[in-house]
Amino acid sequence: MNRFELEHIIRASSGITNQKEIVIVGSQSILGKFPNANQRLLVSMEADVFPLEQPQLSDQIDGAIGERSLFHQTFGYYAHGVSENTAVLPNNWKERLIAVQNQNTGGGTGLCLEPHDLAASKLAAGREKDLEFVQVMLSERMIQASVLNERIRTLPLSPDQLNTILSRLERIKAGDKNPSSSFSTD
């Protein structure tokens, strides 16, 4: 997905829900700060979104422009309406959201995660693709390891879970090709 496509999803999500502010929490939120991000970060064809003021309306987004919808079939990308709690995010993440609003968003505003918040969330998820995503962000100097370390420490998780996530970050920084380990945020 590219920035133009994300803007289309913001416009469509805003129109479907009659909500002006749409939060993007998944990997495509990188397009808020980095509209021309490395292609290795843009492989997903879905944007995880929810309306800021009425997150429960995300089901409407999923139904109208979600996977296998006419929108998806027509454009080749889609929105996944998610819950506000889908991603594990650092404290105060809403204060750092990056607004995407222009003519292509049609009056809607996309609110993308700040890259360090996104990276912390990806490390918490711990899937191989998420860890590779963080590796690229670090190698492209899109984020700083020291800031990421601070954000991880504010995730609403147990000390053991935080230690697991911090260990993942250390293995990524050390160049480990398989930094994942068994961990669940449930």
Foldseek 3Di string as FASTA:
>chain_A
DAPLVVLLLLQVLCVQQVAQEKEWQALVLVCLVPRPDDVLSVPAQETEIARPVCLVCLVSQCVDFNPPHVVCVVPVGGYRRDGPPPFFWFPPQQVVWRWDDDVSNPNHIYTGTQVLRSLLRLLLVQDLSSLVSNLSCVVVVVDDLVVSLVRLVRGPADPVSSVLSVQLSVCSVVVNSRSGDDDDRD
